[in-house]
C-alpha atoms as a PDB file:
ATOM      1  CA  UNK A   1       2.032   2.530 -16.347  1.00  0.00           C
ATOM      2  CA  UNK A   2       5.535   1.138 -16.163  1.00  0.00           C
ATOM      3  CA  UNK A   3       7.068  -2.314 -15.697  1.00  0.00           C
ATOM      4  CA  UNK A   4       9.904  -2.261 -13.177  1.00  0.00           C
ATOM      5  CA  UNK A   5      12.187  -4.287 -10.913  1.00  0.00           C
ATOM      6  CA  UNK A   6      14.217  -3.122  -7.925  1.00  0.00           C
ATOM      7  CA  UNK A   7      17.628  -4.798  -7.704  1.00  0.00           C
ATOM      8  CA  UNK A   8      16.239  -7.426 -10.062  1.00  0.00           C
ATOM      9  CA  UNK A   9      13.245  -8.094  -7.793  1.00  0.00           C
ATOM     10  CA  UNK A  10       9.807  -7.568  -9.391  1.00  0.00           C
ATOM     11  CA  UNK A  11       8.131  -7.348  -5.955  1.00  0.00           C
ATOM     12  CA  UNK A  12       8.391  -3.567  -6.037  1.00  0.00           C
ATOM     13  CA  UNK A  13       5.589  -3.047  -3.504  1.00  0.00           C
ATOM     14  CA  UNK A  14       7.874  -4.303  -0.746  1.00  0.00           C
ATOM     15  CA  UNK A  15      10.302  -1.406  -1.175  1.00  0.00           C
ATOM     16  CA  UNK A  16       7.911   1.565  -1.227  1.00  0.00           C
ATOM     17  CA  UNK A  17       4.512   2.852  -0.164  1.00  0.00           C
ATOM     18  CA  UNK A  18       2.779   5.595  -2.134  1.00  0.00           C
ATOM     19  CA  UNK A  19      -0.016   8.121  -1.693  1.00  0.00           C
ATOM     20  CA  UNK A  20      -1.294  10.903  -3.923  1.00  0.00           C
ATOM     21  CA  UNK A  21       1.606  13.182  -2.968  1.00  0.00           C
ATOM     22  CA  UNK A  22       4.437  11.065  -1.547  1.00  0.00           C
ATOM     23  CA  UNK A  23       6.391   7.872  -2.012  1.00  0.00           C
ATOM     24  CA  UNK A  24       8.219   6.512   1.017  1.00  0.00           C
ATOM     25  CA  UNK A  25      11.135   4.583  -0.438  1.00  0.00           C
ATOM     26  CA  UNK A  26      13.408   2.232   1.476  1.00  0.00           C
ATOM     27  CA  UNK A  27      16.186   1.764  -1.093  1.00  0.00           C
ATOM     28  CA  UNK A  28      18.323   4.213  -3.016  1.00  0.00           C
ATOM     29  CA  UNK A  29      17.648   3.293  -6.647  1.00  0.00           C
ATOM     30  CA  UNK A  30      17.819   6.087  -9.224  1.00  0.00           C
ATOM     31  CA  UNK A  31      15.610   4.360 -11.816  1.00  0.00           C
ATOM     32  CA  UNK A  32      12.985   3.545  -9.181  1.00  0.00           C
ATOM     33  CA  UNK A  33      12.998   7.103  -7.811  1.00  0.00           C
ATOM     34  CA  UNK A  34      12.707   8.635 -11.286  1.00  0.00           C
ATOM     35  CA  UNK A  35       9.834   6.325 -12.205  1.00  0.00           C
ATOM     36  CA  UNK A  36       7.922   7.167  -9.032  1.00  0.00           C
ATOM     37  CA  UNK A  37       8.381  10.914  -9.588  1.00  0.00           C
ATOM     38  CA  UNK A  38       7.563  10.942 -13.292  1.00  0.00           C
ATOM     39  CA  UNK A  39       4.787   8.344 -13.480  1.00  0.00           C
ATOM     40  CA  UNK A  40       3.012   8.716 -10.134  1.00  0.00           C
ATOM     41  CA  UNK A  41       3.805  12.426  -9.725  1.00  0.00           C
ATOM     42  CA  UNK A  42       4.979  12.077  -6.126  1.00  0.00           C
ATOM     43  CA  UNK A  43       7.718  13.510  -3.950  1.00  0.00           C
ATOM     44  CA  UNK A  44      10.235  10.968  -2.646  1.00  0.00           C
ATOM     45  CA  UNK A  45      10.915  10.399   1.055  1.00  0.00           C
ATOM     46  CA  UNK A  46      13.977   8.157   1.278  1.00  0.00           C
ATOM     47  CA  UNK A  47      14.298   6.273   4.568  1.00  0.00           C
ATOM     48  CA  UNK A  48      14.297   2.846   6.138  1.00  0.00           C
ATOM     49  CA  UNK A  49      11.628   2.135   8.750  1.00  0.00           C
ATOM     50  CA  UNK A  50      12.578   0.227  11.898  1.00  0.00           C
ATOM     51  CA  UNK A  51      15.882  -0.459  10.146  1.00  0.00           C
ATOM     52  CA  UNK A  52      14.177  -2.223   7.239  1.00  0.00           C
ATOM     53  CA  UNK A  53      14.378  -1.362   3.551  1.00  0.00           C
ATOM     54  CA  UNK A  54      11.010  -3.095   3.105  1.00  0.00           C
ATOM     55  CA  UNK A  55       9.038   0.051   3.900  1.00  0.00           C
ATOM     56  CA  UNK A  56       6.043  -1.140   1.877  1.00  0.00           C
ATOM     57  CA  UNK A  57       5.499  -3.727   4.579  1.00  0.00           C
ATOM     58  CA  UNK A  58       6.254  -1.363   7.455  1.00  0.00           C
ATOM     59  CA  UNK A  59       4.197   1.805   6.875  1.00  0.00           C
ATOM     60  CA  UNK A  60       0.479   2.435   6.347  1.00  0.00           C
ATOM     61  CA  UNK A  61      -0.188   5.529   4.273  1.00  0.00           C
ATOM     62  CA  UNK A  62      -2.842   7.713   2.702  1.00  0.00           C
ATOM     63  CA  UNK A  63      -2.969  11.395   1.739  1.00  0.00           C
ATOM     64  CA  UNK A  64      -3.443  12.491   5.342  1.00  0.00           C
ATOM     65  CA  UNK A  65      -0.258  10.916   6.668  1.00  0.00           C
ATOM     66  CA  UNK A  66       1.788   7.872   7.558  1.00  0.00           C
ATOM     67  CA  UNK A  67       1.348   5.363  10.384  1.00  0.00           C
ATOM     68  CA  UNK A  68       4.292   3.435  11.820  1.00  0.00           C
ATOM     69  CA  UNK A  69       4.978   1.310  14.871  1.00  0.00           C
ATOM     70  CA  UNK A  70       6.995   2.528  17.840  1.00  0.00           C
ATOM     71  CA  UNK A  71       9.952   0.408  16.686  1.00  0.00           C
ATOM     72  CA  UNK A  72      10.848   3.245  14.277  1.00  0.00           C
ATOM     73  CA  UNK A  73      14.119   5.017  15.101  1.00  0.00           C
ATOM     74  CA  UNK A  74      14.223   8.698  16.029  1.00  0.00           C
ATOM     75  CA  UNK A  75      16.249   9.514  12.898  1.00  0.00           C
ATOM     76  CA  UNK A  76      13.789   7.690  10.623  1.00  0.00           C
ATOM     77  CA  UNK A  77      10.884   9.452  12.305  1.00  0.00           C
ATOM     78  CA  UNK A  78      12.596  12.820  11.850  1.00  0.00           C
ATOM     79  CA  UNK A  79      12.986  12.176   8.104  1.00  0.00           C
ATOM     80  CA  UNK A  80       9.317  11.211   7.730  1.00  0.00           C
ATOM     81  CA  UNK A  81       8.080  14.144   9.795  1.00  0.00           C
ATOM     82  CA  UNK A  82      10.053  16.593   7.662  1.00  0.00           C
ATOM     83  CA  UNK A  83       7.720  15.764   4.769  1.00  0.00           C
ATOM     84  CA  UNK A  84       4.384  14.542   6.132  1.00  0.00           C
ATOM     85  CA  UNK A  85       2.274  13.993   9.242  1.00  0.00           C
ATOM     86  CA  UNK A  86       3.178  10.805  11.102  1.00  0.00           C
ATOM     87  CA  UNK A  87       1.333   8.765  13.723  1.00  0.00           C
ATOM     88  CA  UNK A  88       3.398   6.397  15.863  1.00  0.00           C
ATOM     89  CA  UNK A  89       1.384   3.581  17.428  1.00  0.00           C
ATOM     90  CA  UNK A  90       2.530   1.475  20.354  1.00  0.00           C
ATOM     91  CA  UNK A  91       2.370  -2.065  18.983  1.00  0.00           C
ATOM     92  CA  UNK A  92       4.615  -5.118  18.598  1.00  0.00           C
ATOM     93  CA  UNK A  93       3.039  -5.541  15.134  1.00  0.00           C
ATOM     94  CA  UNK A  94       5.729  -3.686  13.164  1.00  0.00           C
ATOM     95  CA  UNK A  95       4.503  -4.513   9.641  1.00  0.00           C
ATOM     96  CA  UNK A  96       1.627  -2.036   9.532  1.00  0.00           C
ATOM     97  CA  UNK A  97       1.851  -1.725   5.745  1.00  0.00           C
ATOM     98  CA  UNK A  98       1.044  -5.420   5.450  1.00  0.00           C
ATOM     99  CA  UNK A  99      -1.902  -5.116   7.791  1.00  0.00           C
ATOM    100  CA  UNK A 100      -3.781  -2.048   6.527  1.00  0.00           C
ATOM    101  CA  UNK A 101      -5.292  -1.502   3.065  1.00  0.00           C
ATOM    102  CA  UNK A 102      -6.118   2.201   2.785  1.00  0.00           C
ATOM    103  CA  UNK A 103      -7.249   4.965   0.502  1.00  0.00           C
ATOM    104  CA  UNK A 104      -8.464   8.470   1.349  1.00  0.00           C
ATOM    105  CA  UNK A 105     -12.044   7.291   2.018  1.00  0.00           C
ATOM    106  CA  UNK A 106     -11.579   4.216   4.181  1.00  0.00           C
ATOM    107  CA  UNK A 107      -9.668   1.066   4.950  1.00  0.00           C
ATOM    108  CA  UNK A 108      -9.586  -2.626   5.780  1.00  0.00           C
ATOM    109  CA  UNK A 109      -7.368  -3.925   8.590  1.00  0.00           C
ATOM    110  CA  UNK A 110      -6.020  -7.301   9.713  1.00  0.00           C
ATOM    111  CA  UNK A 111      -8.768  -8.671  12.016  1.00  0.00           C
ATOM    112  CA  UNK A 112      -6.357  -9.286  14.905  1.00  0.00           C
ATOM    113  CA  UNK A 113      -5.102  -5.696  15.173  1.00  0.00           C
ATOM    114  CA  UNK A 114      -6.431  -4.422  18.533  1.00  0.00           C
ATOM    115  CA  UNK A 115      -9.480  -2.161  18.365  1.00  0.00           C
ATOM    116  CA  UNK A 116      -7.631   0.594  20.233  1.00  0.00           C
ATOM    117  CA  UNK A 117      -4.962   0.800  17.533  1.00  0.00           C
ATOM    118  CA  UNK A 118      -7.522   0.670  14.737  1.00  0.00           C
ATOM    119  CA  UNK A 119      -9.393   3.551  16.398  1.00  0.00           C
ATOM    120  CA  UNK A 120      -6.173   5.593  16.749  1.00  0.00           C
ATOM    121  CA  UNK A 121      -5.275   5.084  13.083  1.00  0.00           C
ATOM    122  CA  UNK A 122      -8.817   5.785  11.854  1.00  0.00           C
ATOM    123  CA  UNK A 123      -8.931   8.987  13.899  1.00  0.00           C
ATOM    124  CA  UNK A 124      -5.520  10.153  12.669  1.00  0.00           C
ATOM    125  CA  UNK A 125      -6.364   9.476   9.002  1.00  0.00           C
ATOM    126  CA  UNK A 126      -9.996  10.709   9.352  1.00  0.00           C
ATOM    127  CA  UNK A 127     -11.455   7.582   7.748  1.00  0.00           C
ATOM    128  CA  UNK A 128     -13.509   4.538   8.715  1.00  0.00           C
ATOM    129  CA  UNK A 129     -11.457   1.337   9.009  1.00  0.00           C
ATOM    130  CA  UNK A 130     -13.107  -2.080   9.285  1.00  0.00           C
ATOM    131  CA  UNK A 131     -11.504  -5.411  10.203  1.00  0.00           C
ATOM    132  CA  UNK A 132     -11.521  -7.973   7.428  1.00  0.00           C
ATOM    133  CA  UNK A 133      -9.684 -10.351   5.149  1.00  0.00           C
ATOM    134  CA  UNK A 134      -9.064 -10.498   1.402  1.00  0.00           C
ATOM    135  CA  UNK A 135      -9.126 -13.939  -0.138  1.00  0.00           C
ATOM    136  CA  UNK A 136      -9.186 -15.256   3.425  1.00  0.00           C
ATOM    137  CA  UNK A 137      -5.808 -13.582   4.010  1.00  0.00           C
ATOM    138  CA  UNK A 138      -5.371 -11.385   7.064  1.00  0.00           C
ATOM    139  CA  UNK A 139      -2.427  -9.357   5.705  1.00  0.00           C
ATOM    140  CA  UNK A 140      -4.781  -7.222   3.633  1.00  0.00           C
ATOM    141  CA  UNK A 141      -2.101  -4.680   2.691  1.00  0.00           C
ATOM    142  CA  UNK A 142      -0.360  -7.350   0.628  1.00  0.00           C
ATOM    143  CA  UNK A 143      -3.520  -9.120  -0.602  1.00  0.00           C
ATOM    144  CA  UNK A 144      -4.861  -5.950  -2.216  1.00  0.00           C
ATOM    145  CA  UNK A 145      -3.908  -2.594  -3.679  1.00  0.00           C
ATOM    146  CA  UNK A 146      -6.244   0.405  -3.592  1.00  0.00           C
ATOM    147  CA  UNK A 147      -6.355   4.002  -4.790  1.00  0.00           C
ATOM    148  CA  UNK A 148      -9.055   6.651  -4.732  1.00  0.00           C
ATOM    149  CA  UNK A 149     -10.156   5.408  -8.169  1.00  0.00           C
ATOM    150  CA  UNK A 150     -10.155   1.635  -7.820  1.00  0.00           C
ATOM    151  CA  UNK A 151      -8.803  -1.523  -6.214  1.00  0.00           C
ATOM    152  CA  UNK A 152      -7.314  -4.855  -7.236  1.00  0.00           C
ATOM    153  CA  UNK A 153      -7.814  -7.756  -4.854  1.00  0.00           C
ATOM    154  CA  UNK A 154      -6.446 -11.277  -4.414  1.00  0.00           C
ATOM    155  CA  UNK A 155      -8.192 -13.561  -6.940  1.00  0.00           C
ATOM    156  CA  UNK A 156      -9.735 -15.634  -4.136  1.00  0.00           C
ATOM    157  CA  UNK A 157     -11.544 -12.642  -2.609  1.00  0.00           C
ATOM    158  CA  UNK A 158     -15.150 -13.647  -1.957  1.00  0.00           C
ATOM    159  CA  UNK A 159     -18.299 -11.645  -2.544  1.00  0.00           C
ATOM    160  CA  UNK A 160     -18.514 -10.515   1.086  1.00  0.00           C
ATOM    161  CA  UNK A 161     -14.896  -9.258   1.072  1.00  0.00           C
ATOM    162  CA  UNK A 162     -15.416  -7.410  -2.221  1.00  0.00           C
ATOM    163  CA  UNK A 163     -18.587  -5.826  -0.871  1.00  0.00           C
ATOM    164  CA  UNK A 164     -16.776  -4.627   2.261  1.00  0.00           C
ATOM    165  CA  UNK A 165     -13.999  -2.982   0.227  1.00  0.00           C
ATOM    166  CA  UNK A 166     -16.585  -1.362  -2.049  1.00  0.00           C
ATOM    167  CA  UNK A 167     -18.570  -0.071   0.906  1.00  0.00           C
ATOM    168  CA  UNK A 168     -15.813   1.318   3.133  1.00  0.00           C
ATOM    169  CA  UNK A 169     -13.321   2.466   0.469  1.00  0.00           C
ATOM    170  CA  UNK A 170     -15.790   3.798  -2.085  1.00  0.00           C
ATOM    171  CA  UNK A 171     -14.304   2.028  -5.117  1.00  0.00           C
ATOM    172  CA  UNK A 172     -15.330  -0.845  -7.382  1.00  0.00           C
ATOM    173  CA  UNK A 173     -12.768  -3.623  -6.815  1.00  0.00           C
ATOM    174  CA  UNK A 174     -11.695  -6.212  -9.356  1.00  0.00           C
ATOM    175  CA  UNK A 175      -9.785  -9.425  -8.741  1.00  0.00           C
ATOM    176  CA  UNK A 176      -6.506 -10.318 -10.388  1.00  0.00           C
ATOM    177  CA  UNK A 177      -2.793 -11.065 -10.174  1.00  0.00           C
ATOM    178  CA  UNK A 178       0.516  -9.460 -11.166  1.00  0.00           C
ATOM    179  CA  UNK A 179       4.054 -10.665 -11.896  1.00  0.00           C
ATOM    180  CA  UNK A 180       2.940 -13.780 -13.794  1.00  0.00           C
ATOM    181  CA  UNK A 181       0.462 -15.097 -11.265  1.00  0.00           C
ATOM    182  CA  UNK A 182       1.464 -13.464  -7.972  1.00  0.00           C
ATOM    183  CA  UNK A 183      -1.819 -13.209  -6.063  1.00  0.00           C
ATOM    184  CA  UNK A 184      -0.373 -10.963  -3.308  1.00  0.00           C
ATOM    185  CA  UNK A 185      -0.850  -7.973  -5.553  1.00  0.00           C
ATOM    186  CA  UNK A 186       0.135  -5.425  -2.903  1.00  0.00           C
ATOM    187  CA  UNK A 187       3.701  -6.694  -3.167  1.00  0.00           C
ATOM    188  CA  UNK A 188       3.785  -6.193  -6.934  1.00  0.00           C
ATOM    189  CA  UNK A 189       1.996  -2.882  -7.628  1.00  0.00           C
ATOM    190  CA  UNK A 190       2.479   0.744  -6.582  1.00  0.00           C
ATOM    191  CA  UNK A 191      -0.421   3.004  -7.527  1.00  0.00           C
ATOM    192  CA  UNK A 192      -2.239   6.250  -6.935  1.00  0.00           C
ATOM    193  CA  UNK A 193      -5.110   7.894  -8.778  1.00  0.00           C
ATOM    194  CA  UNK A 194      -2.774   9.117 -11.551  1.00  0.00           C
ATOM    195  CA  UNK A 195      -1.073   5.898 -12.642  1.00  0.00           C
ATOM    196  CA  UNK A 196       0.566   2.688 -11.490  1.00  0.00           C
ATOM    197  CA  UNK A 197       3.920   0.910 -11.600  1.00  0.00           C
ATOM    198  CA  UNK A 198       3.985  -2.874 -11.643  1.00  0.00           C
ATOM    199  CA  UNK A 199       6.596  -5.617 -11.371  1.00  0.00           C
ATOM    200  CA  UNK A 200       8.456  -6.445 -14.577  1.00  0.00           C
ATOM    201  CA  UNK A 201       7.160 -10.042 -14.808  1.00  0.00           C
ATOM    202  CA  UNK A 202       3.522  -8.916 -15.202  1.00  0.00           C
ATOM    203  CA  UNK A 203       1.832 -10.309 -18.326  1.00  0.00           C
ATOM    204  CA  UNK A 204      -0.220  -8.432 -20.902  1.00  0.00           C
ATOM    205  CA  UNK A 205      -3.419 -10.071 -19.681  1.00  0.00           C
ATOM    206  CA  UNK A 206      -2.654  -9.092 -16.078  1.00  0.00           C
ATOM    207  CA  UNK A 207      -1.937  -5.517 -17.191  1.00  0.00           C
ATOM    208  CA  UNK A 208      -5.365  -5.328 -18.810  1.00  0.00           C
ATOM    209  CA  UNK A 209      -7.087  -6.295 -15.568  1.00  0.00           C
ATOM    210  CA  UNK A 210      -4.870  -4.004 -13.453  1.00  0.00           C
ATOM    211  CA  UNK A 211      -5.593  -1.087 -15.764  1.00  0.00           C
ATOM    212  CA  UNK A 212      -9.334  -1.685 -15.583  1.00  0.00           C
ATOM    213  CA  UNK A 213      -9.187  -2.054 -11.788  1.00  0.00           C
ATOM    214  CA  UNK A 214      -7.015   0.923 -10.891  1.00  0.00           C
ATOM    215  CA  UNK A 215      -7.744   3.418 -13.677  1.00  0.00           C
ATOM    216  CA  UNK A 216     -11.413   2.830 -14.522  1.00  0.00           C
END
């Protein structure tokens, strides 16, 4: 575990997306890169996506590969493909990282993403993906954070939403916040099954819940 900010911003989940093996990072920040390598044990892929540094919002990722929209540039795609398998989907919905919550067993997706795209992504990642919300929020990739060991969900997640995450992703989710009450926990936490990094404003109580949720 480590508390961190990127350029003074504790919403670290906006600037990166991590899996078991890789971290896609949208900003050049030596402290951030070192923390990701040493704490999460991942290799760094440094690139913007669709011209944005906010790659956490732009890319959906698990151990099998990365999924991006067709707004990605050829240079960005080349950088990603040099390290991992990439699926490009034809969609005006560029913020795929916001709209998919994934681990290596399954996923939840924004309920308005077309079925065709959901099927393409599920096939590419070899997992089941179900439409749903978390805490009534459609941008499930920001309303939750999940690994192969656990998940932390928006504090307003209801019993039905928790049950769906448990069923499709094969983990026991807990509810909580980070960064002193930020309920969009996907924007504040980067995690895999080894460890997690969390925004610097996270309280001791929040850390206790996050630890129990992600490293049970």
